[in-house]
Amino acid sequence: MYDEEADCYDCPAGQRLTHRTTENTTLRGGMPAQRKIYTCDRCADCPLAARCRRNRKAKRGREVMHDEQESARRRHRMRMKNDEAQTAYWRRQHISETPLAVMKAMFDMRRLSLRRLSLRGIERVGQQWRGAPPVFNLKKSMNVWAELRCKTSETPISARN
């Protein structure tokens, strides 16, 4: 459990994991990020070591990391404990999130990246973004067309007529 005021974690045994260091790292999309590392040095003879550590014999003890987005993730987890939020999220994820995720991944090339737009200004960014859905729909249509062609080519010629 994280204590925001003291900037530390509490382990299941009640021990404090204090902030040891901060690492500068790079995320998958090439974005720089800072990751804080918290450790506990009182884990040697802890009876709950199997519950909270992968390696019970590690010299450093339990280690927890989080980045700048951890507070947003924590808020999201709290919201998702509500049944209504889970139902709304489940409905929404298939309708809108799946195509958006596919578009972001599909255009994650060096020149056409939707994770980081290359134009500046709300109008230009809007223009760049508005180009993605038609390309996504075209790609989806081409996949359906290719599947139909494969099915057609699998059927014997005598059955086509």
C-alpha atoms as a PDB file:
ATOM      1  CA  MET A   1       0.000   0.000   0.000  1.00  0.00           C
ATOM      2  CA  TYR A   2       1.401   3.391  -1.017  1.00  0.00           C
ATOM      3  CA  ASP A   3       1.506   6.336   1.413  1.00  0.00           C
ATOM      4  CA  GLU A   4       1.538   9.467  -0.740  1.00  0.00           C
ATOM      5  CA  GLU A   5       2.381  11.894   2.071  1.00  0.00           C
ATOM      6  CA  ALA A   6       5.411   9.917   3.275  1.00  0.00           C
ATOM      7  CA  ASP A   7       6.358   8.741  -0.262  1.00  0.00           C
ATOM      8  CA  CYS A   8       6.777   5.114   0.792  1.00  0.00           C
ATOM      9  CA  TYR A   9       5.073   1.725   0.547  1.00  0.00           C
ATOM     10  CA  ASP A  10       3.987  -0.609   3.349  1.00  0.00           C
ATOM     11  CA  CYS A  11       4.530  -4.343   2.867  1.00  0.00           C
ATOM     12  CA  PRO A  12       2.068  -7.056   4.054  1.00  0.00           C
ATOM     13  CA  ALA A  13       4.189  -7.520   7.213  1.00  0.00           C
ATOM     14  CA  GLY A  14       3.879  -3.820   8.078  1.00  0.00           C
ATOM     15  CA  GLN A  15       7.452  -2.851   7.156  1.00  0.00           C
ATOM     16  CA  ARG A  16       8.239   0.375   5.269  1.00  0.00           C
ATOM     17  CA  LEU A  17       9.671   0.371   1.766  1.00  0.00           C
ATOM     18  CA  THR A  18      11.486   3.674   1.426  1.00  0.00           C
ATOM     19  CA  HIS A  19      12.465   5.527  -1.733  1.00  0.00           C
ATOM     20  CA  ARG A  20      15.937   4.271  -2.687  1.00  0.00           C
ATOM     21  CA  THR A  21      16.578   5.802  -6.108  1.00  0.00           C
ATOM     22  CA  THR A  22      15.024   7.246  -9.254  1.00  0.00           C
ATOM     23  CA  GLU A  23      15.864   5.834 -12.688  1.00  0.00           C
ATOM     24  CA  ASN A  24      15.557   7.612 -16.007  1.00  0.00           C
ATOM     25  CA  THR A  25      14.225   5.165 -18.557  1.00  0.00           C
ATOM     26  CA  THR A  26      12.601   5.086 -21.987  1.00  0.00           C
ATOM     27  CA  LEU A  27       9.129   3.703 -22.637  1.00  0.00           C
ATOM     28  CA  ARG A  28       8.181   1.563 -25.664  1.00  0.00           C
ATOM     29  CA  GLY A  29       7.172   4.542 -27.771  1.00  0.00           C
ATOM     30  CA  GLY A  30      10.516   6.257 -27.128  1.00  0.00           C
ATOM     31  CA  MET A  31       9.108   8.618 -24.507  1.00  0.00           C
ATOM     32  CA  PRO A  32      11.403   9.371 -21.552  1.00  0.00           C
ATOM     33  CA  ALA A  33      10.089   8.482 -18.085  1.00  0.00           C
ATOM     34  CA  GLN A  34      11.239   8.484 -14.498  1.00  0.00           C
ATOM     35  CA  ARG A  35      10.748   5.395 -12.379  1.00  0.00           C
ATOM     36  CA  LYS A  36      11.012   5.496  -8.578  1.00  0.00           C
ATOM     37  CA  ILE A  37      12.351   2.426  -6.796  1.00  0.00           C
ATOM     38  CA  TYR A  38      11.370   1.591  -3.210  1.00  0.00           C
ATOM     39  CA  THR A  39      13.117  -1.127  -1.162  1.00  0.00           C
ATOM     40  CA  CYS A  40      12.871  -2.752   2.248  1.00  0.00           C
ATOM     41  CA  ASP A  41      16.012  -3.959   4.024  1.00  0.00           C
ATOM     42  CA  ARG A  42      14.196  -5.905   6.784  1.00  0.00           C
ATOM     43  CA  CYS A  43      13.081  -8.894   4.688  1.00  0.00           C
ATOM     44  CA  ALA A  44      15.734 -11.459   5.672  1.00  0.00           C
ATOM     45  CA  ASP A  45      13.696 -13.498   8.184  1.00  0.00           C
ATOM     46  CA  CYS A  46      10.216 -12.284   7.291  1.00  0.00           C
ATOM     47  CA  PRO A  47       7.528 -15.008   7.531  1.00  0.00           C
ATOM     48  CA  LEU A  48       5.552 -13.346   4.701  1.00  0.00           C
ATOM     49  CA  ALA A  49       8.477 -13.265   2.243  1.00  0.00           C
ATOM     50  CA  ALA A  50       6.869 -15.918   0.018  1.00  0.00           C
ATOM     51  CA  ARG A  51       3.752 -13.767  -0.276  1.00  0.00           C
ATOM     52  CA  CYS A  52       5.393 -10.527  -1.341  1.00  0.00           C
ATOM     53  CA  ARG A  53       8.729 -11.470  -2.971  1.00  0.00           C
ATOM     54  CA  ARG A  54       9.503 -13.535  -6.023  1.00  0.00           C
ATOM     55  CA  ASN A  55      12.953 -14.523  -4.789  1.00  0.00           C
ATOM     56  CA  ARG A  56      12.943 -15.192  -1.024  1.00  0.00           C
ATOM     57  CA  LYS A  57      16.761 -15.205  -0.894  1.00  0.00           C
ATOM     58  CA  ALA A  58      17.349 -11.884  -2.663  1.00  0.00           C
ATOM     59  CA  LYS A  59      19.954  -9.767  -0.852  1.00  0.00           C
ATOM     60  CA  ARG A  60      18.187  -6.449  -1.335  1.00  0.00           C
ATOM     61  CA  GLY A  61      14.749  -7.482  -0.077  1.00  0.00           C
ATOM     62  CA  ARG A  62      11.425  -6.476  -1.574  1.00  0.00           C
ATOM     63  CA  GLU A  63      11.574  -3.924  -4.379  1.00  0.00           C
ATOM     64  CA  VAL A  64       8.643  -1.925  -5.763  1.00  0.00           C
ATOM     65  CA  MET A  65       8.800   0.432  -8.741  1.00  0.00           C
ATOM     66  CA  HIS A  66       6.412   3.042 -10.052  1.00  0.00           C
ATOM     67  CA  ASP A  67       6.487   5.784 -12.643  1.00  0.00           C
ATOM     68  CA  GLU A  68       4.779   9.156 -13.074  1.00  0.00           C
ATOM     69  CA  GLN A  69       1.515   7.502 -14.162  1.00  0.00           C
ATOM     70  CA  GLU A  70       1.113   5.405 -11.004  1.00  0.00           C
ATOM     71  CA  SER A  71      -1.306   7.828  -9.316  1.00  0.00           C
ATOM     72  CA  ALA A  72      -3.593   7.736 -12.386  1.00  0.00           C
ATOM     73  CA  ARG A  73      -3.484   3.928 -12.381  1.00  0.00           C
ATOM     74  CA  ARG A  74      -4.369   3.888  -8.677  1.00  0.00           C
ATOM     75  CA  ARG A  75      -7.362   6.203  -9.231  1.00  0.00           C
ATOM     76  CA  HIS A  76      -8.512   4.010 -12.131  1.00  0.00           C
ATOM     77  CA  ARG A  77      -8.305   0.859  -9.981  1.00  0.00           C
ATOM     78  CA  MET A  78     -10.416   2.541  -7.302  1.00  0.00           C
ATOM     79  CA  ARG A  79     -13.037   3.580  -9.891  1.00  0.00           C
ATOM     80  CA  MET A  80     -13.138   0.093 -11.387  1.00  0.00           C
ATOM     81  CA  LYS A  81     -14.120  -1.495  -8.051  1.00  0.00           C
ATOM     82  CA  ASN A  82     -17.640  -0.183  -8.740  1.00  0.00           C
ATOM     83  CA  ASP A  83     -19.902  -2.630 -10.656  1.00  0.00           C
ATOM     84  CA  GLU A  84     -21.417   0.150 -12.794  1.00  0.00           C
ATOM     85  CA  ALA A  85     -17.968   1.315 -13.879  1.00  0.00           C
ATOM     86  CA  GLN A  86     -16.974  -2.231 -14.833  1.00  0.00           C
ATOM     87  CA  THR A  87     -20.108  -2.673 -16.926  1.00  0.00           C
ATOM     88  CA  ALA A  88     -19.609   0.664 -18.711  1.00  0.00           C
ATOM     89  CA  TYR A  89     -15.931  -0.107 -19.302  1.00  0.00           C
ATOM     90  CA  TRP A  90     -16.716  -3.538 -20.684  1.00  0.00           C
ATOM     91  CA  ARG A  91     -19.249  -2.073 -23.169  1.00  0.00           C
ATOM     92  CA  ARG A  92     -16.948   0.743 -24.193  1.00  0.00           C
ATOM     93  CA  GLN A  93     -13.758  -1.231 -24.654  1.00  0.00           C
ATOM     94  CA  HIS A  94     -15.042  -3.261 -27.590  1.00  0.00           C
ATOM     95  CA  ILE A  95     -16.877  -0.442 -29.352  1.00  0.00           C
ATOM     96  CA  SER A  96     -14.226   2.268 -29.324  1.00  0.00           C
ATOM     97  CA  GLU A  97     -11.058   1.154 -27.609  1.00  0.00           C
ATOM     98  CA  THR A  98     -10.251  -1.771 -29.885  1.00  0.00           C
ATOM     99  CA  PRO A  99     -10.160   0.253 -33.127  1.00  0.00           C
ATOM    100  CA  LEU A 100      -8.224   3.054 -31.412  1.00  0.00           C
ATOM    101  CA  ALA A 101      -5.649   0.588 -30.096  1.00  0.00           C
ATOM    102  CA  VAL A 102      -5.329  -1.017 -33.524  1.00  0.00           C
ATOM    103  CA  MET A 103      -4.948   2.397 -35.192  1.00  0.00           C
ATOM    104  CA  LYS A 104      -2.262   3.458 -32.727  1.00  0.00           C
ATOM    105  CA  ALA A 105      -0.383   0.198 -33.253  1.00  0.00           C
ATOM    106  CA  MET A 106      -0.944   0.173 -37.019  1.00  0.00           C
ATOM    107  CA  PHE A 107       0.491   3.670 -37.452  1.00  0.00           C
ATOM    108  CA  ASP A 108       3.340   3.183 -34.994  1.00  0.00           C
ATOM    109  CA  MET A 109       5.900   3.553 -37.737  1.00  0.00           C
ATOM    110  CA  ARG A 110       8.606   6.201 -37.804  1.00  0.00           C
ATOM    111  CA  ARG A 111       6.754   8.633 -40.078  1.00  0.00           C
ATOM    112  CA  LEU A 112       3.086   7.863 -39.336  1.00  0.00           C
ATOM    113  CA  SER A 113       2.952   7.639 -35.564  1.00  0.00           C
ATOM    114  CA  LEU A 114      -0.351   8.333 -33.828  1.00  0.00           C
ATOM    115  CA  ARG A 115       1.305   7.919 -30.467  1.00  0.00           C
ATOM    116  CA  ARG A 116       3.125  11.158 -31.100  1.00  0.00           C
ATOM    117  CA  LEU A 117       1.657  13.421 -33.770  1.00  0.00           C
ATOM    118  CA  SER A 118       4.091  15.264 -36.007  1.00  0.00           C
ATOM    119  CA  LEU A 119       2.007  18.405 -36.590  1.00  0.00           C
ATOM    120  CA  ARG A 120       1.412  21.252 -34.150  1.00  0.00           C
ATOM    121  CA  GLY A 121      -1.762  23.175 -33.432  1.00  0.00           C
ATOM    122  CA  ILE A 122      -5.224  21.816 -32.811  1.00  0.00           C
ATOM    123  CA  GLU A 123      -6.372  22.173 -36.451  1.00  0.00           C
ATOM    124  CA  ARG A 124      -3.356  20.409 -37.943  1.00  0.00           C
ATOM    125  CA  VAL A 125      -3.400  17.659 -35.332  1.00  0.00           C
ATOM    126  CA  GLY A 126      -7.116  17.191 -36.078  1.00  0.00           C
ATOM    127  CA  GLN A 127      -6.326  16.863 -39.784  1.00  0.00           C
ATOM    128  CA  GLN A 128      -3.619  14.299 -39.085  1.00  0.00           C
ATOM    129  CA  TRP A 129      -5.908  12.324 -36.783  1.00  0.00           C
ATOM    130  CA  ARG A 130      -8.886  12.449 -39.189  1.00  0.00           C
ATOM    131  CA  GLY A 131      -6.809  10.567 -41.739  1.00  0.00           C
ATOM    132  CA  ALA A 132      -6.453   7.519 -39.493  1.00  0.00           C
ATOM    133  CA  PRO A 133     -10.052   6.155 -39.401  1.00  0.00           C
ATOM    134  CA  PRO A 134     -10.469   5.995 -43.204  1.00  0.00           C
ATOM    135  CA  VAL A 135      -7.139   4.182 -43.515  1.00  0.00           C
ATOM    136  CA  PHE A 136      -8.165   1.837 -40.688  1.00  0.00           C
ATOM    137  CA  ASN A 137     -11.513   1.127 -42.397  1.00  0.00           C
ATOM    138  CA  LEU A 138      -9.772   0.563 -45.739  1.00  0.00           C
ATOM    139  CA  LYS A 139      -7.325  -1.866 -44.133  1.00  0.00           C
ATOM    140  CA  LYS A 140     -10.188  -3.687 -42.414  1.00  0.00           C
ATOM    141  CA  SER A 141     -12.121  -3.879 -45.716  1.00  0.00           C
ATOM    142  CA  MET A 142      -9.053  -5.229 -47.494  1.00  0.00           C
ATOM    143  CA  ASN A 143      -8.698  -7.962 -44.855  1.00  0.00           C
ATOM    144  CA  VAL A 144     -12.361  -8.973 -45.282  1.00  0.00           C
ATOM    145  CA  TRP A 145     -11.926  -8.943 -49.067  1.00  0.00           C
ATOM    146  CA  ALA A 146      -8.784 -11.104 -48.793  1.00  0.00           C
ATOM    147  CA  GLU A 147     -10.649 -13.611 -46.586  1.00  0.00           C
ATOM    148  CA  LEU A 148     -13.483 -13.801 -49.121  1.00  0.00           C
ATOM    149  CA  ARG A 149     -10.997 -14.342 -51.945  1.00  0.00           C
ATOM    150  CA  CYS A 150      -9.357 -17.176 -50.017  1.00  0.00           C
ATOM    151  CA  LYS A 151     -12.721 -18.825 -49.374  1.00  0.00           C
ATOM    152  CA  THR A 152     -13.652 -18.442 -53.040  1.00  0.00           C
ATOM    153  CA  SER A 153     -10.372 -19.952 -54.201  1.00  0.00           C
ATOM    154  CA  GLU A 154     -10.831 -22.924 -51.850  1.00  0.00           C
ATOM    155  CA  THR A 155     -14.171 -23.910 -53.385  1.00  0.00           C
ATOM    156  CA  PRO A 156     -13.951 -26.102 -56.501  1.00  0.00           C
ATOM    157  CA  ILE A 157     -14.644 -24.441 -59.855  1.00  0.00           C
ATOM    158  CA  SER A 158     -17.639 -26.727 -60.514  1.00  0.00           C
ATOM    159  CA  ALA A 159     -19.294 -25.500 -57.273  1.00  0.00           C
ATOM    160  CA  ARG A 160     -18.883 -21.823 -58.245  1.00  0.00           C
ATOM    161  CA  ASN A 161     -21.079 -22.030 -61.346  1.00  0.00           C
END
